[in-house]
Amino acid sequence: MGIFILKYASPWKRLAAFGVNILINFYLFYPFYLKMHQRINPDFEITTLKLNLVWFLPLTALLTCGLCRTTAPGKFILKTKIVDAETGKKPTKGQRLSRIIGYNLSFLVFGLGFLWMFVDHRKQTWHDKIAETVVIDGESF
């Protein structure tokens, strides 16, 4: 087994990737959601519940992308990769599923699980720790 060095993606780069995902969600899915409901009900009002539900479809799409492709569009655009923390290889499907489930735990306490990457020496979030993965700069590997 060879020695390898991983260059962990900076928290700022990871936040930028998250922002790209949010923008993609907003611009791709939100207009269709509103248009669909306005056609069904011309008196359609936007409520807090409906605004929260509009995130379900895009989030599901992003998570499916992460499960099938190992990375969401934001990470792909910013050239970062999710890899196994021990081997540096592509994560298993079990690890990818654990990461997706772990997102909920990362959000649970005011997003502390995501902010954890700012203090962790390997820049891991809680869902990274649960899945035993790290996010690296894709160009460095």
C-alpha atoms as a PDB file:
ATOM      1  CA  MET A   1       0.000   0.000   0.000  1.00  0.00           C
ATOM      2  CA  GLY A   2       1.517   3.329  -1.080  1.00  0.00           C
ATOM      3  CA  ILE A   3       1.692   6.553   0.837  1.00  0.00           C
ATOM      4  CA  PHE A   4      -0.552   9.316  -0.379  1.00  0.00           C
ATOM      5  CA  ILE A   5      -1.168  12.881   0.696  1.00  0.00           C
ATOM      6  CA  LEU A   6      -4.633  14.383   0.547  1.00  0.00           C
ATOM      7  CA  LYS A   7      -5.132  18.115   0.208  1.00  0.00           C
ATOM      8  CA  TYR A   8      -8.366  18.788   2.054  1.00  0.00           C
ATOM      9  CA  ALA A   9     -10.745  21.248   0.422  1.00  0.00           C
ATOM     10  CA  SER A  10     -10.983  24.494   2.359  1.00  0.00           C
ATOM     11  CA  PRO A  11     -14.189  25.224   4.266  1.00  0.00           C
ATOM     12  CA  TRP A  12     -14.684  28.294   2.069  1.00  0.00           C
ATOM     13  CA  LYS A  13     -14.490  26.223  -1.089  1.00  0.00           C
ATOM     14  CA  ARG A  14     -16.986  23.766   0.391  1.00  0.00           C
ATOM     15  CA  LEU A  15     -19.337  26.609   1.315  1.00  0.00           C
ATOM     16  CA  ALA A  16     -19.031  27.968  -2.228  1.00  0.00           C
ATOM     17  CA  ALA A  17     -19.965  24.522  -3.592  1.00  0.00           C
ATOM     18  CA  PHE A  18     -22.978  24.472  -1.273  1.00  0.00           C
ATOM     19  CA  GLY A  19     -23.939  27.925  -2.570  1.00  0.00           C
ATOM     20  CA  VAL A  20     -23.726  26.691  -6.168  1.00  0.00           C
ATOM     21  CA  ASN A  21     -26.073  23.825  -5.264  1.00  0.00           C
ATOM     22  CA  ILE A  22     -28.532  26.264  -3.696  1.00  0.00           C
ATOM     23  CA  LEU A  23     -28.454  28.483  -6.786  1.00  0.00           C
ATOM     24  CA  ILE A  24     -28.997  25.508  -9.064  1.00  0.00           C
ATOM     25  CA  ASN A  25     -31.932  24.411  -6.926  1.00  0.00           C
ATOM     26  CA  PHE A  26     -33.440  27.857  -6.849  1.00  0.00           C
ATOM     27  CA  TYR A  27     -33.165  28.618 -10.552  1.00  0.00           C
ATOM     28  CA  LEU A  28     -33.971  25.155 -11.892  1.00  0.00           C
ATOM     29  CA  PHE A  29     -36.754  23.922  -9.634  1.00  0.00           C
ATOM     30  CA  TYR A  30     -38.416  26.892  -7.972  1.00  0.00           C
ATOM     31  CA  PRO A  31     -39.960  28.454 -11.123  1.00  0.00           C
ATOM     32  CA  PHE A  32     -41.435  25.084 -12.179  1.00  0.00           C
ATOM     33  CA  TYR A  33     -42.904  24.554  -8.732  1.00  0.00           C
ATOM     34  CA  LEU A  34     -44.610  27.944  -8.731  1.00  0.00           C
ATOM     35  CA  LYS A  35     -45.846  27.615 -12.313  1.00  0.00           C
ATOM     36  CA  MET A  36     -47.283  24.176 -11.668  1.00  0.00           C
ATOM     37  CA  HIS A  37     -49.241  25.316  -8.619  1.00  0.00           C
ATOM     38  CA  GLN A  38     -50.436  28.543 -10.233  1.00  0.00           C
ATOM     39  CA  ARG A  39     -51.901  26.492 -13.098  1.00  0.00           C
ATOM     40  CA  ILE A  40     -53.679  24.156 -10.698  1.00  0.00           C
ATOM     41  CA  ASN A  41     -54.907  26.927  -8.422  1.00  0.00           C
ATOM     42  CA  PRO A  42     -54.960  30.506  -9.781  1.00  0.00           C
ATOM     43  CA  ASP A  43     -55.394  31.827  -6.225  1.00  0.00           C
ATOM     44  CA  PHE A  44     -52.191  30.076  -5.163  1.00  0.00           C
ATOM     45  CA  GLU A  45     -50.533  31.793  -2.222  1.00  0.00           C
ATOM     46  CA  ILE A  46     -46.981  31.260  -1.108  1.00  0.00           C
ATOM     47  CA  THR A  47     -46.910  30.179   2.515  1.00  0.00           C
ATOM     48  CA  THR A  48     -44.033  29.163   4.728  1.00  0.00           C
ATOM     49  CA  LEU A  49     -45.038  25.513   4.431  1.00  0.00           C
ATOM     50  CA  LYS A  50     -45.082  25.722   0.636  1.00  0.00           C
ATOM     51  CA  LEU A  51     -41.724  27.456   0.579  1.00  0.00           C
ATOM     52  CA  ASN A  52     -40.283  24.675   2.721  1.00  0.00           C
ATOM     53  CA  LEU A  53     -41.816  21.993   0.509  1.00  0.00           C
ATOM     54  CA  VAL A  54     -40.259  23.555  -2.585  1.00  0.00           C
ATOM     55  CA  TRP A  55     -36.854  22.441  -1.278  1.00  0.00           C
ATOM     56  CA  PHE A  56     -37.861  18.769  -1.055  1.00  0.00           C
ATOM     57  CA  LEU A  57     -37.665  17.982  -4.794  1.00  0.00           C
ATOM     58  CA  PRO A  58     -34.386  19.822  -5.430  1.00  0.00           C
ATOM     59  CA  LEU A  59     -32.792  18.400  -2.298  1.00  0.00           C
ATOM     60  CA  THR A  60     -33.840  14.919  -3.356  1.00  0.00           C
ATOM     61  CA  ALA A  61     -32.326  15.526  -6.796  1.00  0.00           C
ATOM     62  CA  LEU A  62     -29.041  16.734  -5.296  1.00  0.00           C
ATOM     63  CA  LEU A  63     -28.864  13.851  -2.865  1.00  0.00           C
ATOM     64  CA  THR A  64     -29.586  11.368  -5.658  1.00  0.00           C
ATOM     65  CA  CYS A  65     -26.804  12.987  -7.670  1.00  0.00           C
ATOM     66  CA  GLY A  66     -24.491  12.598  -4.685  1.00  0.00           C
ATOM     67  CA  LEU A  67     -25.446   8.961  -4.274  1.00  0.00           C
ATOM     68  CA  CYS A  68     -25.042   8.057  -7.956  1.00  0.00           C
ATOM     69  CA  ARG A  69     -22.149  10.299  -8.998  1.00  0.00           C
ATOM     70  CA  THR A  70     -20.421  10.629  -5.595  1.00  0.00           C
ATOM     71  CA  THR A  71     -20.616  14.400  -5.826  1.00  0.00           C
ATOM     72  CA  ALA A  72     -23.164  17.167  -6.136  1.00  0.00           C
ATOM     73  CA  PRO A  73     -22.942  19.714  -8.967  1.00  0.00           C
ATOM     74  CA  GLY A  74     -21.330  22.373  -6.748  1.00  0.00           C
ATOM     75  CA  LYS A  75     -18.441  20.096  -5.806  1.00  0.00           C
ATOM     76  CA  PHE A  76     -18.053  19.070  -9.453  1.00  0.00           C
ATOM     77  CA  ILE A  77     -17.897  22.707 -10.625  1.00  0.00           C
ATOM     78  CA  LEU A  78     -15.401  23.683  -7.906  1.00  0.00           C
ATOM     79  CA  LYS A  79     -13.294  20.576  -8.564  1.00  0.00           C
ATOM     80  CA  THR A  80     -13.554  18.915  -5.186  1.00  0.00           C
ATOM     81  CA  LYS A  81     -14.050  15.213  -4.519  1.00  0.00           C
ATOM     82  CA  ILE A  82     -15.477  13.102  -1.754  1.00  0.00           C
ATOM     83  CA  VAL A  83     -13.140  10.207  -0.916  1.00  0.00           C
ATOM     84  CA  ASP A  84     -12.759   7.539   1.732  1.00  0.00           C
ATOM     85  CA  ALA A  85     -10.893   9.078   4.662  1.00  0.00           C
ATOM     86  CA  GLU A  86      -8.579   6.087   5.113  1.00  0.00           C
ATOM     87  CA  THR A  87      -7.782   4.976   1.567  1.00  0.00           C
ATOM     88  CA  GLY A  88      -8.310   8.134  -0.491  1.00  0.00           C
ATOM     89  CA  LYS A  89     -10.381   6.070  -2.926  1.00  0.00           C
ATOM     90  CA  LYS A  90     -13.927   6.554  -4.171  1.00  0.00           C
ATOM     91  CA  PRO A  91     -16.407   6.104  -1.299  1.00  0.00           C
ATOM     92  CA  THR A  92     -18.591   3.013  -1.218  1.00  0.00           C
ATOM     93  CA  LYS A  93     -22.343   3.246  -1.742  1.00  0.00           C
ATOM     94  CA  GLY A  94     -22.747   2.638   1.986  1.00  0.00           C
ATOM     95  CA  GLN A  95     -20.510   5.615   2.748  1.00  0.00           C
ATOM     96  CA  ARG A  96     -22.414   7.813   0.296  1.00  0.00           C
ATOM     97  CA  LEU A  97     -25.725   6.778   1.845  1.00  0.00           C
ATOM     98  CA  SER A  98     -24.337   7.416   5.352  1.00  0.00           C
ATOM     99  CA  ARG A  99     -23.257  10.886   4.226  1.00  0.00           C
ATOM    100  CA  ILE A 100     -26.712  11.678   2.889  1.00  0.00           C
ATOM    101  CA  ILE A 101     -28.403  10.489   6.083  1.00  0.00           C
ATOM    102  CA  GLY A 102     -25.782  12.345   8.128  1.00  0.00           C
ATOM    103  CA  TYR A 103     -26.758  15.656   6.495  1.00  0.00           C
ATOM    104  CA  ASN A 104     -29.751  15.719   8.831  1.00  0.00           C
ATOM    105  CA  LEU A 105     -27.519  15.389  11.871  1.00  0.00           C
ATOM    106  CA  SER A 106     -25.234  18.121  10.563  1.00  0.00           C
ATOM    107  CA  PHE A 107     -28.234  20.460  10.329  1.00  0.00           C
ATOM    108  CA  LEU A 108     -29.755  19.342  13.617  1.00  0.00           C
ATOM    109  CA  VAL A 109     -28.165  21.822  16.021  1.00  0.00           C
ATOM    110  CA  PHE A 110     -28.279  25.133  14.122  1.00  0.00           C
ATOM    111  CA  GLY A 111     -25.998  23.766  11.394  1.00  0.00           C
ATOM    112  CA  LEU A 112     -23.178  23.106  13.858  1.00  0.00           C
ATOM    113  CA  GLY A 113     -22.325  19.881  12.030  1.00  0.00           C
ATOM    114  CA  PHE A 114     -21.483  21.881   8.911  1.00  0.00           C
ATOM    115  CA  LEU A 115     -19.611  24.586  10.782  1.00  0.00           C
ATOM    116  CA  TRP A 116     -17.501  21.852  12.367  1.00  0.00           C
ATOM    117  CA  MET A 117     -15.297  21.840   9.241  1.00  0.00           C
ATOM    118  CA  PHE A 118     -13.843  25.181  10.362  1.00  0.00           C
ATOM    119  CA  VAL A 119     -12.347  23.625  13.516  1.00  0.00           C
ATOM    120  CA  ASP A 120     -11.591  20.068  12.392  1.00  0.00           C
ATOM    121  CA  HIS A 121      -7.992  19.312  11.370  1.00  0.00           C
ATOM    122  CA  ARG A 122      -9.195  17.298   8.338  1.00  0.00           C
ATOM    123  CA  LYS A 123     -11.949  19.837   7.523  1.00  0.00           C
ATOM    124  CA  GLN A 124     -14.630  17.187   8.132  1.00  0.00           C
ATOM    125  CA  THR A 125     -18.268  17.916   8.840  1.00  0.00           C
ATOM    126  CA  TRP A 126     -20.318  15.617  11.048  1.00  0.00           C
ATOM    127  CA  HIS A 127     -21.699  13.773   8.034  1.00  0.00           C
ATOM    128  CA  ASP A 128     -18.114  13.274   6.801  1.00  0.00           C
ATOM    129  CA  LYS A 129     -17.186  11.781  10.167  1.00  0.00           C
ATOM    130  CA  ILE A 130     -20.250   9.498  10.172  1.00  0.00           C
ATOM    131  CA  ALA A 131     -19.464   8.227   6.660  1.00  0.00           C
ATOM    132  CA  GLU A 132     -15.675   8.207   7.220  1.00  0.00           C
ATOM    133  CA  THR A 133     -15.085  10.446   4.199  1.00  0.00           C
ATOM    134  CA  VAL A 134     -13.194  13.653   3.494  1.00  0.00           C
ATOM    135  CA  VAL A 135     -13.554  16.284   0.784  1.00  0.00           C
ATOM    136  CA  ILE A 136     -10.376  16.999  -1.137  1.00  0.00           C
ATOM    137  CA  ASP A 137      -9.309  19.346  -3.893  1.00  0.00           C
ATOM    138  CA  GLY A 138      -9.873  17.298  -7.028  1.00  0.00           C
ATOM    139  CA  GLU A 139      -6.876  18.735  -8.821  1.00  0.00           C
ATOM    140  CA  SER A 140      -4.456  17.631  -6.109  1.00  0.00           C
ATOM    141  CA  PHE A 141      -5.102  13.898  -6.305  1.00  0.00           C
END
